Every structure is written in C-alpha cells, then in structure tokens.
C-alpha cells in the first residue's frame, strides 16, 4: 500500500540478478521530457546492502566510466546486462 522512489524518472533500462539491480536513467523533472543527452547509471546491492533505507541503498548517479569502475570493484558478473529496455525512452 506504499512505495518508495529509489531512482527518479526516467529509468529506461534495467537488469537484475540475485545480488544486484542495475539501471540507466535520463534525468527528468516532474512534468518535463527526459533529458536524453544525459545518461546516469545506478547499482542497487540486494545482498550486501549499503543501508537498510531503500533510498540510501544505491550507488549513483554514475557516468558510464564510473559505473564500469564500480561494477568491476563490486565483482558484478559481466553476464548481468540491461535486459529490460523501454525503447521510447532510450
């Protein structure tokens, strides 16, 4: 009956395994069109949480280079990919 926004709009791609959720987002203020010139990346740990607060349990926003660095540092399997993609927002 309640929910928490972990990543603001507009998330357009995501992937998950048992340890992590990864997401791509174009920033967007409420009521505006997403800024497709900017892509932010996020990592949400599912097992080794950063915080018990869902809003704080994320790494990001990150640039693509920062995302790849964090991915390697955390040992995120290369098989984890963005499998859910909203083409209209991409």
C-alpha atoms as a PDB file:
ATOM      1  CA  UNK A   1       0.000   0.000   0.000  1.00  0.00           C
ATOM      2  CA  UNK A   2       3.036   2.267  -0.042  1.00  0.00           C
ATOM      3  CA  UNK A   3       6.129   2.683  -2.151  1.00  0.00           C
ATOM      4  CA  UNK A   4       9.457   4.464  -2.174  1.00  0.00           C
ATOM      5  CA  UNK A   5      11.134   6.057  -5.174  1.00  0.00           C
ATOM      6  CA  UNK A   6      14.699   4.785  -5.282  1.00  0.00           C
ATOM      7  CA  UNK A   7      15.713   6.234  -8.662  1.00  0.00           C
ATOM      8  CA  UNK A   8      13.940   9.297 -10.012  1.00  0.00           C
ATOM      9  CA  UNK A   9      12.431   9.398 -13.512  1.00  0.00           C
ATOM     10  CA  UNK A  10      13.136   8.413 -16.179  1.00  0.00           C
ATOM     11  CA  UNK A  11      14.588   4.920 -15.824  1.00  0.00           C
ATOM     12  CA  UNK A  12      14.690   3.376 -19.289  1.00  0.00           C
ATOM     13  CA  UNK A  13      16.809   0.246 -18.827  1.00  0.00           C
ATOM     14  CA  UNK A  14      17.360  -2.242 -16.027  1.00  0.00           C
ATOM     15  CA  UNK A  15      18.764  -5.653 -15.280  1.00  0.00           C
ATOM     16  CA  UNK A  16      18.974  -7.822 -12.191  1.00  0.00           C
ATOM     17  CA  UNK A  17      20.388 -10.959 -10.689  1.00  0.00           C
ATOM     18  CA  UNK A  18      20.280 -12.323  -7.141  1.00  0.00           C
ATOM     19  CA  UNK A  19      22.916  -9.801  -5.953  1.00  0.00           C
ATOM     20  CA  UNK A  20      22.343  -6.534  -7.830  1.00  0.00           C
ATOM     21  CA  UNK A  21      19.944  -4.385  -9.805  1.00  0.00           C
ATOM     22  CA  UNK A  22      21.493  -2.123 -12.444  1.00  0.00           C
ATOM     23  CA  UNK A  23      19.653   0.742 -14.096  1.00  0.00           C
ATOM     24  CA  UNK A  24      20.077   3.506 -16.667  1.00  0.00           C
ATOM     25  CA  UNK A  25      18.217   6.773 -16.289  1.00  0.00           C
ATOM     26  CA  UNK A  26      17.747  10.005 -18.194  1.00  0.00           C
ATOM     27  CA  UNK A  27      17.160  12.783 -15.649  1.00  0.00           C
ATOM     28  CA  UNK A  28      13.698  14.274 -15.744  1.00  0.00           C
ATOM     29  CA  UNK A  29      11.898  16.791 -13.574  1.00  0.00           C
ATOM     30  CA  UNK A  30       8.241  16.103 -12.889  1.00  0.00           C
ATOM     31  CA  UNK A  31       6.170  17.066 -15.936  1.00  0.00           C
ATOM     32  CA  UNK A  32       9.210  17.584 -18.213  1.00  0.00           C
ATOM     33  CA  UNK A  33      10.592  15.466 -21.025  1.00  0.00           C
ATOM     34  CA  UNK A  34      13.597  13.280 -20.088  1.00  0.00           C
ATOM     35  CA  UNK A  35      16.978  14.781 -20.978  1.00  0.00           C
ATOM     36  CA  UNK A  36      18.264  12.096 -23.359  1.00  0.00           C
ATOM     37  CA  UNK A  37      21.610  13.895 -23.671  1.00  0.00           C
ATOM     38  CA  UNK A  38      22.468  12.669 -20.151  1.00  0.00           C
ATOM     39  CA  UNK A  39      22.544   9.025 -19.066  1.00  0.00           C
ATOM     40  CA  UNK A  40      23.031   8.186 -15.401  1.00  0.00           C
ATOM     41  CA  UNK A  41      23.845   4.689 -14.180  1.00  0.00           C
ATOM     42  CA  UNK A  42      22.877   3.128 -10.851  1.00  0.00           C
ATOM     43  CA  UNK A  43      23.768  -0.005  -8.918  1.00  0.00           C
ATOM     44  CA  UNK A  44      21.485  -1.313  -6.179  1.00  0.00           C
ATOM     45  CA  UNK A  45      23.016  -4.030  -3.975  1.00  0.00           C
ATOM     46  CA  UNK A  46      20.486  -6.658  -2.906  1.00  0.00           C
ATOM     47  CA  UNK A  47      22.557  -8.805  -0.512  1.00  0.00           C
ATOM     48  CA  UNK A  48      25.390  -6.639   0.807  1.00  0.00           C
ATOM     49  CA  UNK A  49      23.279  -3.553   1.349  1.00  0.00           C
ATOM     50  CA  UNK A  50      24.818  -0.125   1.861  1.00  0.00           C
ATOM     51  CA  UNK A  51      21.883   0.928   4.037  1.00  0.00           C
ATOM     52  CA  UNK A  52      18.644  -0.509   5.367  1.00  0.00           C
ATOM     53  CA  UNK A  53      16.945   2.624   3.999  1.00  0.00           C
ATOM     54  CA  UNK A  54      15.967   1.712   0.400  1.00  0.00           C
ATOM     55  CA  UNK A  55      16.507   5.306  -0.775  1.00  0.00           C
ATOM     56  CA  UNK A  56      20.102   5.263   0.515  1.00  0.00           C
ATOM     57  CA  UNK A  57      20.878   1.719  -0.698  1.00  0.00           C
ATOM     58  CA  UNK A  58      22.163   2.675  -4.129  1.00  0.00           C
ATOM     59  CA  UNK A  59      25.343   3.731  -5.861  1.00  0.00           C
ATOM     60  CA  UNK A  60      24.763   6.564  -8.310  1.00  0.00           C
ATOM     61  CA  UNK A  61      24.125   8.566 -10.271  1.00  0.00           C
ATOM     62  CA  UNK A  62      27.275   7.486 -12.088  1.00  0.00           C
ATOM     63  CA  UNK A  63      28.765   8.205 -15.502  1.00  0.00           C
ATOM     64  CA  UNK A  64      29.370   5.198 -17.760  1.00  0.00           C
ATOM     65  CA  UNK A  65      33.074   5.166 -16.793  1.00  0.00           C
ATOM     66  CA  UNK A  66      32.249   5.384 -13.073  1.00  0.00           C
ATOM     67  CA  UNK A  67      29.622   2.642 -13.496  1.00  0.00           C
ATOM     68  CA  UNK A  68      32.121   0.298 -15.167  1.00  0.00           C
ATOM     69  CA  UNK A  69      34.667   1.018 -12.419  1.00  0.00           C
ATOM     70  CA  UNK A  70      32.143   0.310  -9.622  1.00  0.00           C
ATOM     71  CA  UNK A  71      30.908  -2.777 -11.432  1.00  0.00           C
ATOM     72  CA  UNK A  72      34.443  -4.167 -11.542  1.00  0.00           C
ATOM     73  CA  UNK A  73      35.160  -3.147  -7.926  1.00  0.00           C
ATOM     74  CA  UNK A  74      31.988  -4.908  -6.699  1.00  0.00           C
ATOM     75  CA  UNK A  75      32.658  -8.001  -8.814  1.00  0.00           C
ATOM     76  CA  UNK A  76      29.390  -7.721 -10.708  1.00  0.00           C
ATOM     77  CA  UNK A  77      29.201 -10.540 -13.235  1.00  0.00           C
ATOM     78  CA  UNK A  78      29.642  -9.422 -16.842  1.00  0.00           C
ATOM     79  CA  UNK A  79      26.592 -11.549 -17.694  1.00  0.00           C
ATOM     80  CA  UNK A  80      24.390  -9.075 -15.825  1.00  0.00           C
ATOM     81  CA  UNK A  81      23.095  -6.812 -18.569  1.00  0.00           C
ATOM     82  CA  UNK A  82      20.283  -4.355 -19.204  1.00  0.00           C
ATOM     83  CA  UNK A  83      17.578  -6.832 -20.238  1.00  0.00           C
ATOM     84  CA  UNK A  84      14.563  -4.572 -19.728  1.00  0.00           C
ATOM     85  CA  UNK A  85      14.660  -1.606 -22.085  1.00  0.00           C
ATOM     86  CA  UNK A  86      11.954   0.969 -22.795  1.00  0.00           C
ATOM     87  CA  UNK A  87      12.802   1.848 -26.391  1.00  0.00           C
ATOM     88  CA  UNK A  88      10.707   5.037 -26.440  1.00  0.00           C
ATOM     89  CA  UNK A  89      12.836   6.499 -23.618  1.00  0.00           C
ATOM     90  CA  UNK A  90      16.176   5.152 -24.786  1.00  0.00           C
END
